[in-house]
Protein backbone atom coordinates (compact mmCIF):
# COMPACT_ATOMS: atom_id res chain seq x y z
CA MET A 1 -0.17 0.11 0.14
CA ALA A 2 1.38 3.66 -1.16
CA SER A 3 -0.15 7.06 -0.11
CA HIS A 4 0.41 9.74 -1.75
CA TYR A 5 1.56 13.19 -0.28
CA ARG A 6 3.36 16.06 -1.90
CA ASP A 7 6.65 16.40 0.38
CA ILE A 8 6.26 13.12 2.29
CA GLN A 9 5.76 8.95 0.72
CA LEU A 10 3.96 6.43 3.26
CA VAL A 11 4.39 3.31 2.08
CA VAL A 12 3.14 0.14 3.75
CA GLY A 13 3.91 -3.53 2.91
CA ASN A 14 5.22 -6.81 5.17
CA ARG A 15 4.12 -5.60 8.18
CA VAL A 16 5.80 -2.11 8.11
CA ALA A 17 5.12 1.48 7.44
CA ARG A 18 7.46 3.67 5.94
CA ILE A 19 7.30 7.67 6.39
CA ILE A 20 9.47 8.61 3.36
CA PHE A 21 10.74 12.65 3.48
CA ALA A 22 10.77 13.83 -0.08
CA ARG A 23 11.67 17.50 0.03
CA PRO A 24 15.20 16.82 -1.47
CA PRO A 25 18.10 17.80 -1.65
CA LEU A 26 17.82 18.61 2.68
CA ASN A 27 14.45 17.45 3.49
CA VAL A 28 13.58 20.26 5.10
CA PHE A 29 10.64 20.61 7.39
CA THR A 30 7.75 23.33 7.00
CA ILE A 31 4.52 23.13 8.77
CA ALA A 32 2.83 21.79 5.68
CA MET A 33 5.32 18.41 6.10
CA MET A 34 4.90 18.31 9.53
CA LYS A 35 1.41 18.22 9.28
CA GLU A 36 1.61 15.58 6.22
CA VAL A 37 3.93 13.39 8.90
CA LEU A 38 1.31 13.74 11.30
CA ASP A 39 -1.30 12.68 9.31
CA ALA A 40 0.86 9.61 8.42
CA VAL A 41 1.17 8.47 11.58
CA ASN A 42 -2.42 8.65 12.32
CA GLN A 43 -2.93 6.75 9.19
CA ILE A 44 -0.52 4.15 10.70
CA SER A 45 -2.40 4.07 14.14
CA LYS A 46 -5.28 2.86 12.95
CA MET A 47 -3.25 -0.42 10.89
CA ASN A 48 -3.03 -2.98 13.41
CA GLU A 49 -0.96 -5.51 11.75
CA VAL A 50 1.51 -2.73 10.99
CA CYS A 51 4.60 -3.76 13.77
CA ALA A 52 7.41 -0.86 12.94
CA ILE A 53 7.51 2.22 11.43
CA VAL A 54 10.73 3.03 9.48
CA PHE A 55 11.61 7.05 8.76
CA ALA A 56 13.84 7.52 6.20
CA ALA A 57 15.08 10.30 3.46
CA THR A 58 14.17 9.43 -0.69
CA PRO A 59 17.64 8.13 -2.19
CA GLY A 60 19.76 11.03 -3.90
CA SER A 61 19.12 13.30 -0.65
CA LYS A 62 21.83 15.01 0.73
CA ALA A 63 20.23 14.86 3.95
CA PHE A 64 18.02 12.79 6.33
CA SER A 65 16.61 16.49 7.51
CA ALA A 66 18.22 19.60 8.06
CA GLY A 67 15.55 21.01 10.29
CA VAL A 68 12.19 22.58 10.90
CA SER A 69 12.60 26.03 8.17
CA ILE A 70 14.28 28.48 9.58
CA GLU A 71 11.28 31.08 8.17
CA GLU A 72 8.81 29.24 10.10
CA HIS A 73 10.57 30.15 13.48
CA ARG A 74 9.47 33.27 13.49
CA ALA A 75 7.45 34.52 16.33
CA GLU A 76 4.07 34.75 13.53
CA THR A 77 4.44 31.01 12.78
CA ALA A 78 6.69 29.67 16.15
CA TYR A 79 3.41 28.55 17.69
CA GLN A 80 2.09 26.49 14.79
CA MET A 81 5.46 25.69 13.87
CA LEU A 82 5.83 23.64 17.38
CA GLU A 83 2.33 22.45 17.44
CA SER A 84 3.03 20.56 14.19
CA PHE A 85 5.85 19.65 15.04
CA HIS A 86 5.71 17.99 18.60
CA GLY A 87 2.14 16.95 17.49
CA ILE A 88 4.75 14.14 15.24
CA PHE A 89 5.77 13.05 18.81
CA ARG A 90 2.89 13.23 20.70
CA ALA A 91 0.82 10.79 18.14
CA LEU A 92 4.24 8.45 18.25
CA GLN A 93 4.04 8.12 21.32
CA LEU A 94 0.24 7.42 21.62
CA ILE A 95 0.63 4.59 18.91
CA ALA A 96 3.80 3.04 20.75
CA LYS A 97 5.19 1.46 17.99
CA PRO A 98 9.02 0.63 17.39
CA VAL A 99 10.37 3.33 15.40
CA LEU A 100 13.41 3.06 13.64
CA ALA A 101 15.43 5.97 11.63
CA LEU A 102 17.56 5.33 8.51
CA VAL A 103 20.22 8.44 8.22
CA VAL A 104 22.02 9.19 4.99
CA GLY A 105 23.64 12.38 5.43
CA GLY A 106 22.90 15.50 7.80
CA ALA A 107 20.39 14.84 10.75
CA LEU A 108 19.88 18.67 12.29
CA GLY A 109 17.72 20.32 14.25
CA GLY A 110 14.48 18.84 14.20
CA GLY A 111 16.10 16.31 12.30
CA CYS A 112 17.76 15.28 15.24
CA GLU A 113 15.26 15.41 17.56
CA LEU A 114 13.41 12.80 15.32
CA VAL A 115 16.39 10.33 15.41
CA ALA A 116 16.38 11.46 19.35
CA TYR A 117 12.62 10.03 19.17
CA ALA A 118 13.54 6.85 17.56
CA ASP A 119 14.24 3.47 19.13
CA ILE A 120 16.35 1.98 16.48
CA VAL A 121 18.94 4.46 14.65
CA ILE A 122 21.30 3.36 11.77
CA ALA A 123 23.42 5.63 10.01
CA THR A 124 25.77 5.70 7.50
CA PRO A 125 29.55 7.03 8.23
CA THR A 126 28.78 10.26 6.49
CA ALA A 127 25.95 10.72 8.81
CA ARG A 128 26.12 14.31 10.79
CA PHE A 129 24.25 15.31 13.82
CA GLY A 130 23.31 17.96 15.36
CA GLN A 131 21.29 21.23 17.18
CA PRO A 132 22.55 24.38 16.02
CA GLU A 133 19.55 26.20 16.92
CA ILE A 134 21.31 27.75 19.61
CA LYS A 135 23.41 29.86 16.74
CA LEU A 136 20.45 31.22 15.40
CA GLY A 137 19.32 32.85 18.83
CA LEU A 138 16.92 30.05 19.83
CA PHE A 139 16.59 26.16 21.33
CA PRO A 140 15.53 23.18 20.37
CA PRO A 141 12.71 22.32 22.91
CA ALA A 142 12.20 18.65 21.96
CA ALA A 143 16.01 18.10 21.91
CA CYS A 144 15.78 19.81 25.78
CA VAL A 145 13.42 16.92 26.72
CA MET A 146 14.76 13.69 25.16
CA LEU A 147 18.76 14.25 24.38
CA PRO A 148 19.35 14.21 28.60
CA ARG A 149 17.59 10.89 28.60
CA VAL A 150 19.68 9.48 25.48
CA ILE A 151 22.80 10.38 25.93
CA GLY A 152 23.15 12.12 29.58
CA GLU A 153 22.67 15.64 30.78
CA LYS A 154 26.29 17.01 30.64
CA ARG A 155 26.67 16.28 27.06
CA ALA A 156 23.00 16.97 25.89
CA ARG A 157 23.75 20.35 27.61
CA GLU A 158 27.11 21.24 25.88
CA LEU A 159 25.24 19.95 22.46
CA ILE A 160 22.32 22.08 22.76
CA LEU A 161 24.44 25.04 24.23
CA THR A 162 27.47 25.44 21.31
CA GLY A 163 25.29 23.87 18.86
CA GLU A 164 28.11 21.57 17.72
CA LEU A 165 28.00 18.83 15.32
CA PHE A 166 29.17 15.59 15.35
CA SER A 167 29.98 12.52 13.41
CA ALA A 168 28.07 9.17 13.45
CA GLU A 169 30.72 7.56 15.02
CA THR A 170 30.26 9.89 18.09
CA ALA A 171 26.59 9.60 18.04
CA ARG A 172 26.86 5.77 18.27
CA ALA A 173 29.04 6.32 20.94
CA LEU A 174 26.91 8.86 22.62
CA GLY A 175 24.21 6.30 22.52
CA LEU A 176 22.18 8.29 19.82
CA VAL A 177 22.86 5.77 16.92
CA SER A 178 22.29 2.36 16.80
CA HIS A 179 24.47 1.11 14.34
CA VAL A 180 26.84 3.02 11.78
CA VAL A 181 26.95 0.79 8.53
CA ALA A 182 28.02 1.71 4.90
CA GLU A 183 25.29 2.99 3.12
CA ASN A 184 24.97 -0.08 0.35
CA GLU A 185 24.55 -2.08 3.90
CA LEU A 186 22.46 0.01 5.48
CA GLU A 187 18.74 -1.55 3.89
CA ASN A 188 19.97 -5.01 4.94
CA LYS A 189 20.60 -3.92 8.34
CA ALA A 190 17.24 -1.91 8.84
CA GLU A 191 15.36 -5.69 7.19
CA GLN A 192 17.52 -7.91 9.40
CA ILE A 193 16.07 -5.35 12.68
CA LEU A 194 12.64 -5.40 11.26
CA ASN A 195 12.76 -9.32 10.13
CA HIS A 196 13.29 -9.52 13.88
CA LEU A 197 10.38 -7.36 15.17
CA ARG A 198 8.54 -9.15 12.21
CA GLN A 199 8.38 -12.44 14.65
CA LEU A 200 6.99 -10.72 17.02
CA SER A 201 3.77 -10.19 19.07
CA ILE A 202 2.51 -7.08 18.03
CA PRO A 203 0.70 -6.68 22.14
CA ALA A 204 3.90 -7.59 23.37
CA LEU A 205 5.80 -4.92 21.30
CA THR A 206 3.02 -2.11 21.98
CA THR A 207 2.77 -2.61 25.62
CA ALA A 208 6.57 -2.88 26.37
CA GLN A 209 6.96 0.63 24.43
CA ARG A 210 4.02 1.85 26.82
CA ALA A 211 5.95 0.61 29.70
CA ILE A 212 9.30 2.48 28.95
CA ASN A 213 7.58 5.59 27.45
CA GLU A 214 5.23 6.16 30.50
CA THR A 215 7.78 5.23 33.65
CA ARG A 216 10.60 7.39 32.79
CA ASP A 217 10.26 9.94 35.02
CA LEU A 218 8.39 8.32 37.66
CA PRO A 219 9.76 7.35 41.32
CA PHE A 220 11.02 3.94 41.24
CA ASP A 221 8.09 2.26 43.02
CA GLU A 222 5.82 3.93 41.37
CA ALA A 223 7.18 3.13 37.98
CA LEU A 224 7.18 -0.38 38.68
CA LYS A 225 3.86 -0.61 39.99
CA HIS A 226 2.67 1.67 36.80
CA ALA A 227 4.58 -1.07 34.65
CA GLU A 228 2.75 -4.03 36.54
CA THR A 229 -0.43 -2.43 36.03
CA ILE A 230 0.39 -2.36 32.11
CA TYR A 231 1.46 -5.77 32.44
CA LEU A 232 -1.71 -7.47 34.41
CA ASN A 233 -4.11 -5.15 32.94
CA GLU A 234 -3.45 -4.79 29.55
CA LEU A 235 -0.65 -7.38 28.16
CA MET A 236 -2.56 -10.24 29.77
CA SER A 237 -5.60 -9.29 28.07
CA TYR A 238 -4.54 -10.47 25.05
CA LYS A 239 -4.63 -13.89 23.15
CA ASP A 240 -0.56 -13.60 22.60
CA PRO A 241 0.78 -14.24 25.79
CA ALA A 242 -0.81 -17.46 26.47
CA GLU A 243 0.28 -18.74 23.11
CA GLY A 244 3.80 -17.63 23.28
CA ILE A 245 3.87 -19.62 26.92
CA GLU A 246 2.13 -22.45 25.13
CA ALA A 247 4.45 -23.02 22.29
CA PHE A 248 7.53 -22.28 24.52
CA ILE A 249 6.12 -25.21 26.46
CA ALA A 250 6.11 -27.39 23.34
CA LYS A 251 8.78 -26.20 21.53
CA ARG A 252 7.40 -24.75 18.25
CA PRO A 253 7.03 -21.59 17.15
CA PRO A 254 4.32 -19.22 18.26
CA ASN A 255 1.13 -18.96 16.11
CA TRP A 256 0.95 -15.09 17.26
CA LYS A 257 -2.82 -13.48 16.70
CA HIS A 258 -1.39 -9.86 17.20
CA LYS A 259 -4.53 -9.48 19.87
């Protein structure tokens, strides 16, 4: 299945939804483009069979995304810009499907924030990352929330406050990137991970994702109780946990119902 937008492509097949940025060469996010991404995520939320979401750039792009259009950071459009961009993260949080980002070229500003949100990031050796907003007299709200959680507060402060760019290998060392592979191996590595996810129960993936997302900032005991509630009241209401246990005991592959 393929849906047609102006600035992105939504391609769904083999239980994976791909959102492809199609504003080459730099895939700069406009408000209109971000609304398309949000619409695509909302479409995916209705696709129970989808086990993962992949963000990537159209082939031939020079960047995964160079971030949000500078013009739309102006005071008269700033609210609409943030509402459109942050709406993507809020929608992804609600549907709780694993998110992969495939990064070729630059992932700057909003592009880097999207990378920070992704669960698994695969980048090429020449990829570059950074939050250069501070050099324009601005700051990146989503990065201020997400980067300290992903790479640690001290390093996040330095990157946000200096706006410095850094390499794929540095990003991997920081924990922002999961894998660095040659560009001709990018899709192969992605498929390797996606094939693993395809073999798993979607309710298990989504409830695990929710348990991680929703307990992140809670005190330990409160967080553990909330994870227990998701496990007992939500995960255990599905058929797949019983099937997984029975399949393990019988030494056979599970026949997931994804419900």
